[in-house]
Amino acid sequence: MENKWIMHYHSSHKILLVGEGDFSFSLSLARAFGSAANMVATSLDDRESLVLKYGSASSNLNELEVLGCTIFHNVDVHNMTQHHYLNNKSFNRIIFNFPHAGFDYRELVSGFLKSAKYMLSIFGGEIHVSHKTAYPFSKWDIKGLAENEGLILIGEVDFQQSYYPGYTNKRGSGLQCDQSFPIGMSSTLQFSKLHF
């Protein structure tokens, strides 16, 4: 099979996606690669809740499964290293897009980074957090949270939704959870572990 890129992601990377809303970001990558055999996509919600919350979740999940994606629900980013499948697995890319849908943001991101750093491939493993950069989101200091976990910023690139055909960001909670929100000025922050 031909190796393919979509932005920072390669079809040969082992990719973990967490906090997927309607799984449209995972599906965008899978379609670009022509396969999802290299991907594990997760959500905090169970499958039944996702299908009720998001109008396109069922079809997205079904297509991902056909493309070979490994999908898990009820995965809490704070303790994903203890998940029966994810335990002792390592990934080239761990992705969390816009993780501020109705939760204590700093606690959520800090818990994610604390867990994700143990799941990175030793060579070239990266954690990617896409996030709004305008005020007040700039006050959330993701870079500082990552530094507290011994992670270093190795890149910051503008996040453009158009780079990921079919991706629709979701609010994630509340009565309008299936609605998208304006992404505005956003970046993908790329972190790696310090190696000595």
Protein backbone atom coordinates (compact mmCIF):
# COMPACT_ATOMS: atom_id res chain seq x y z
CA MET A 1 0.00 0.00 0.00
CA GLU A 2 1.24 3.48 -0.91
CA ASN A 3 2.37 5.69 1.99
CA LYS A 4 0.28 8.85 2.29
CA TRP A 5 0.42 12.10 4.26
CA ILE A 6 -2.32 14.41 5.50
CA MET A 7 -0.68 17.40 7.17
CA HIS A 8 1.46 16.09 10.09
CA TYR A 9 0.14 12.54 9.86
CA HIS A 10 1.46 9.64 7.81
CA SER A 11 -0.25 6.37 6.96
CA SER A 12 2.64 4.48 8.57
CA HIS A 13 2.28 6.32 11.91
CA LYS A 14 0.60 4.52 14.77
CA ILE A 15 -2.00 7.15 15.68
CA LEU A 16 -4.15 7.45 18.82
CA LEU A 17 -7.03 9.92 18.73
CA VAL A 18 -8.75 10.79 22.00
CA GLY A 19 -11.88 12.73 22.86
CA GLU A 20 -13.33 12.23 19.41
CA GLY A 21 -16.76 13.85 19.13
CA ASP A 22 -18.56 12.45 16.11
CA PHE A 23 -15.34 10.74 14.90
CA SER A 24 -15.22 12.95 11.79
CA PHE A 25 -11.55 13.88 12.36
CA SER A 26 -10.53 10.21 12.55
CA LEU A 27 -12.56 9.55 9.42
CA SER A 28 -10.90 12.43 7.58
CA LEU A 29 -7.47 10.89 8.26
CA ALA A 30 -8.67 7.39 7.36
CA ARG A 31 -10.11 8.54 4.04
CA ALA A 32 -6.88 10.37 3.18
CA PHE A 33 -4.83 7.25 3.99
CA GLY A 34 -7.29 4.87 2.31
CA SER A 35 -7.19 2.79 5.49
CA ALA A 36 -7.51 3.19 9.25
CA ALA A 37 -5.53 0.08 10.16
CA ASN A 38 -2.86 2.31 11.77
CA MET A 39 -5.37 4.18 13.95
CA VAL A 40 -7.00 3.80 17.36
CA ALA A 41 -9.86 6.28 17.92
CA THR A 42 -11.51 6.77 21.31
CA SER A 43 -14.30 8.66 23.02
CA LEU A 44 -15.28 9.30 26.62
CA ASP A 45 -18.92 8.55 25.77
CA ASP A 46 -20.25 5.07 25.11
CA ARG A 47 -21.38 4.26 21.57
CA GLU A 48 -25.11 4.59 22.32
CA SER A 49 -24.64 8.07 23.81
CA LEU A 50 -22.53 9.16 20.82
CA VAL A 51 -25.19 8.06 18.36
CA LEU A 52 -27.83 10.00 20.32
CA LYS A 53 -25.64 13.11 20.63
CA TYR A 54 -24.23 13.34 17.11
CA GLY A 55 -26.28 12.87 13.96
CA SER A 56 -23.32 11.62 11.92
CA ALA A 57 -21.62 9.46 14.60
CA SER A 58 -23.19 6.17 13.54
CA SER A 59 -22.23 6.46 9.87
CA ASN A 60 -18.74 7.77 10.76
CA LEU A 61 -18.11 4.88 13.15
CA ASN A 62 -19.38 2.33 10.64
CA GLU A 63 -17.12 3.67 7.89
CA LEU A 64 -14.12 3.75 10.22
CA GLU A 65 -14.72 0.11 11.15
CA VAL A 66 -14.89 -0.85 7.47
CA LEU A 67 -11.56 0.96 6.97
CA GLY A 68 -10.00 -1.08 9.80
CA CYS A 69 -9.94 1.43 12.65
CA THR A 70 -9.74 0.16 16.23
CA ILE A 71 -12.42 2.01 18.21
CA PHE A 72 -12.91 2.19 21.97
CA HIS A 73 -15.51 4.05 24.01
CA ASN A 74 -15.57 5.00 27.71
CA VAL A 75 -11.88 5.97 27.52
CA ASP A 76 -10.93 8.61 30.09
CA VAL A 77 -7.81 10.54 29.02
CA HIS A 78 -6.68 10.73 32.66
CA ASN A 79 -6.15 6.98 32.95
CA MET A 80 -5.91 5.68 29.40
CA THR A 81 -2.63 3.93 30.21
CA GLN A 82 -4.71 1.55 32.34
CA HIS A 83 -7.11 0.66 29.51
CA HIS A 84 -6.95 -3.06 28.69
CA TYR A 85 -5.94 -2.46 25.06
CA LEU A 86 -3.92 0.75 25.39
CA ASN A 87 -1.85 -0.50 28.32
CA ASN A 88 1.78 -0.88 27.15
CA LYS A 89 1.01 0.40 23.63
CA SER A 90 3.06 3.18 22.08
CA PHE A 91 2.10 5.66 19.36
CA ASN A 92 3.86 7.98 16.93
CA ARG A 93 1.06 10.55 17.23
CA ILE A 94 -1.46 11.13 20.02
CA ILE A 95 -4.09 13.70 19.03
CA PHE A 96 -6.58 15.66 21.15
CA ASN A 97 -8.53 18.29 19.20
CA PHE A 98 -10.21 21.22 20.98
CA PRO A 99 -10.46 19.58 24.41
CA HIS A 100 -12.52 22.28 26.07
CA ALA A 101 -16.08 21.14 25.54
CA GLY A 102 -17.78 21.71 28.87
CA PHE A 103 -15.05 20.45 31.20
CA ASP A 104 -12.48 21.89 33.61
CA TYR A 105 -10.06 22.61 30.84
CA ARG A 106 -6.73 22.80 32.66
CA GLU A 107 -7.43 19.64 34.66
CA LEU A 108 -8.55 17.81 31.51
CA VAL A 109 -5.49 18.77 29.46
CA SER A 110 -3.07 18.21 32.34
CA GLY A 111 -4.49 14.73 32.94
CA PHE A 112 -4.30 13.96 29.24
CA LEU A 113 -0.66 15.05 28.97
CA LYS A 114 0.31 13.15 32.13
CA SER A 115 -1.17 9.94 30.66
CA ALA A 116 -0.18 10.45 27.00
CA LYS A 117 3.53 10.99 27.68
CA TYR A 118 3.84 7.34 28.74
CA MET A 119 2.29 6.18 25.47
CA LEU A 120 4.65 7.95 23.06
CA SER A 121 7.01 6.03 20.81
CA ILE A 122 10.58 6.52 22.00
CA PHE A 123 11.77 7.90 18.68
CA GLY A 124 9.76 10.69 17.07
CA GLY A 125 6.61 10.32 19.16
CA GLU A 126 4.52 13.50 19.37
CA ILE A 127 1.47 14.69 21.28
CA HIS A 128 -0.71 17.11 19.31
CA VAL A 129 -3.26 19.39 20.97
CA SER A 130 -5.31 21.63 18.68
CA HIS A 131 -6.63 24.65 20.51
CA LYS A 132 -8.02 28.15 20.06
CA THR A 133 -5.31 30.77 20.53
CA ALA A 134 -7.32 34.00 20.91
CA TYR A 135 -8.21 35.43 24.33
CA PRO A 136 -9.50 33.96 26.70
CA PHE A 137 -8.24 30.60 25.40
CA SER A 138 -4.67 31.93 25.34
CA LYS A 139 -4.81 32.14 29.16
CA TRP A 140 -5.11 28.37 29.49
CA ASP A 141 -1.35 27.98 29.01
CA ILE A 142 -1.16 24.55 27.40
CA LYS A 143 2.57 25.04 26.91
CA GLY A 144 3.02 25.51 30.65
CA LEU A 145 0.91 22.43 31.41
CA ALA A 146 3.07 20.40 29.01
CA GLU A 147 6.28 21.74 30.53
CA ASN A 148 5.02 20.67 33.97
CA GLU A 149 4.82 17.12 32.56
CA GLY A 150 8.38 17.18 31.20
CA LEU A 151 7.24 17.73 27.60
CA ILE A 152 8.85 20.17 25.19
CA LEU A 153 7.16 22.19 22.47
CA ILE A 154 8.66 21.16 19.14
CA GLY A 155 6.21 22.95 16.85
CA GLU A 156 3.12 25.13 16.59
CA VAL A 157 1.20 25.34 13.33
CA ASP A 158 -2.03 27.04 12.35
CA PHE A 159 -4.99 24.70 12.45
CA GLN A 160 -7.09 25.00 9.30
CA GLN A 161 -10.27 22.94 9.24
CA SER A 162 -10.11 22.84 5.43
CA TYR A 163 -6.97 20.69 5.66
CA TYR A 164 -9.17 17.87 6.98
CA PRO A 165 -12.06 17.34 4.55
CA GLY A 166 -15.19 16.12 6.30
CA TYR A 167 -14.07 17.16 9.79
CA THR A 168 -16.70 19.02 11.79
CA ASN A 169 -15.78 20.12 15.29
CA LYS A 170 -18.51 19.64 17.90
CA ARG A 171 -19.44 21.41 21.13
CA GLY A 172 -19.45 18.06 22.91
CA SER A 173 -21.83 18.80 25.77
CA GLY A 174 -25.12 20.52 26.51
CA LEU A 175 -28.25 20.84 24.40
CA GLN A 176 -26.25 22.04 21.37
CA CYS A 177 -23.58 19.31 21.56
CA ASP A 178 -24.06 18.41 17.88
CA GLN A 179 -23.42 21.98 16.78
CA SER A 180 -19.99 23.13 15.66
CA PHE A 181 -18.34 26.20 17.17
CA PRO A 182 -16.23 28.85 15.43
CA ILE A 183 -12.64 27.66 15.48
CA GLY A 184 -11.27 31.11 14.69
CA MET A 185 -7.54 31.50 15.34
CA SER A 186 -6.32 28.05 16.35
CA SER A 187 -3.06 26.14 16.46
CA THR A 188 -1.89 22.58 16.73
CA LEU A 189 0.72 22.44 19.48
CA GLN A 190 3.21 19.61 19.02
CA PHE A 191 5.01 18.20 22.06
CA SER A 192 7.68 15.58 22.57
CA LYS A 193 9.35 14.01 25.58
CA LEU A 194 12.71 15.23 26.79
CA HIS A 195 15.39 12.64 26.10
CA PHE A 196 18.60 12.51 28.06
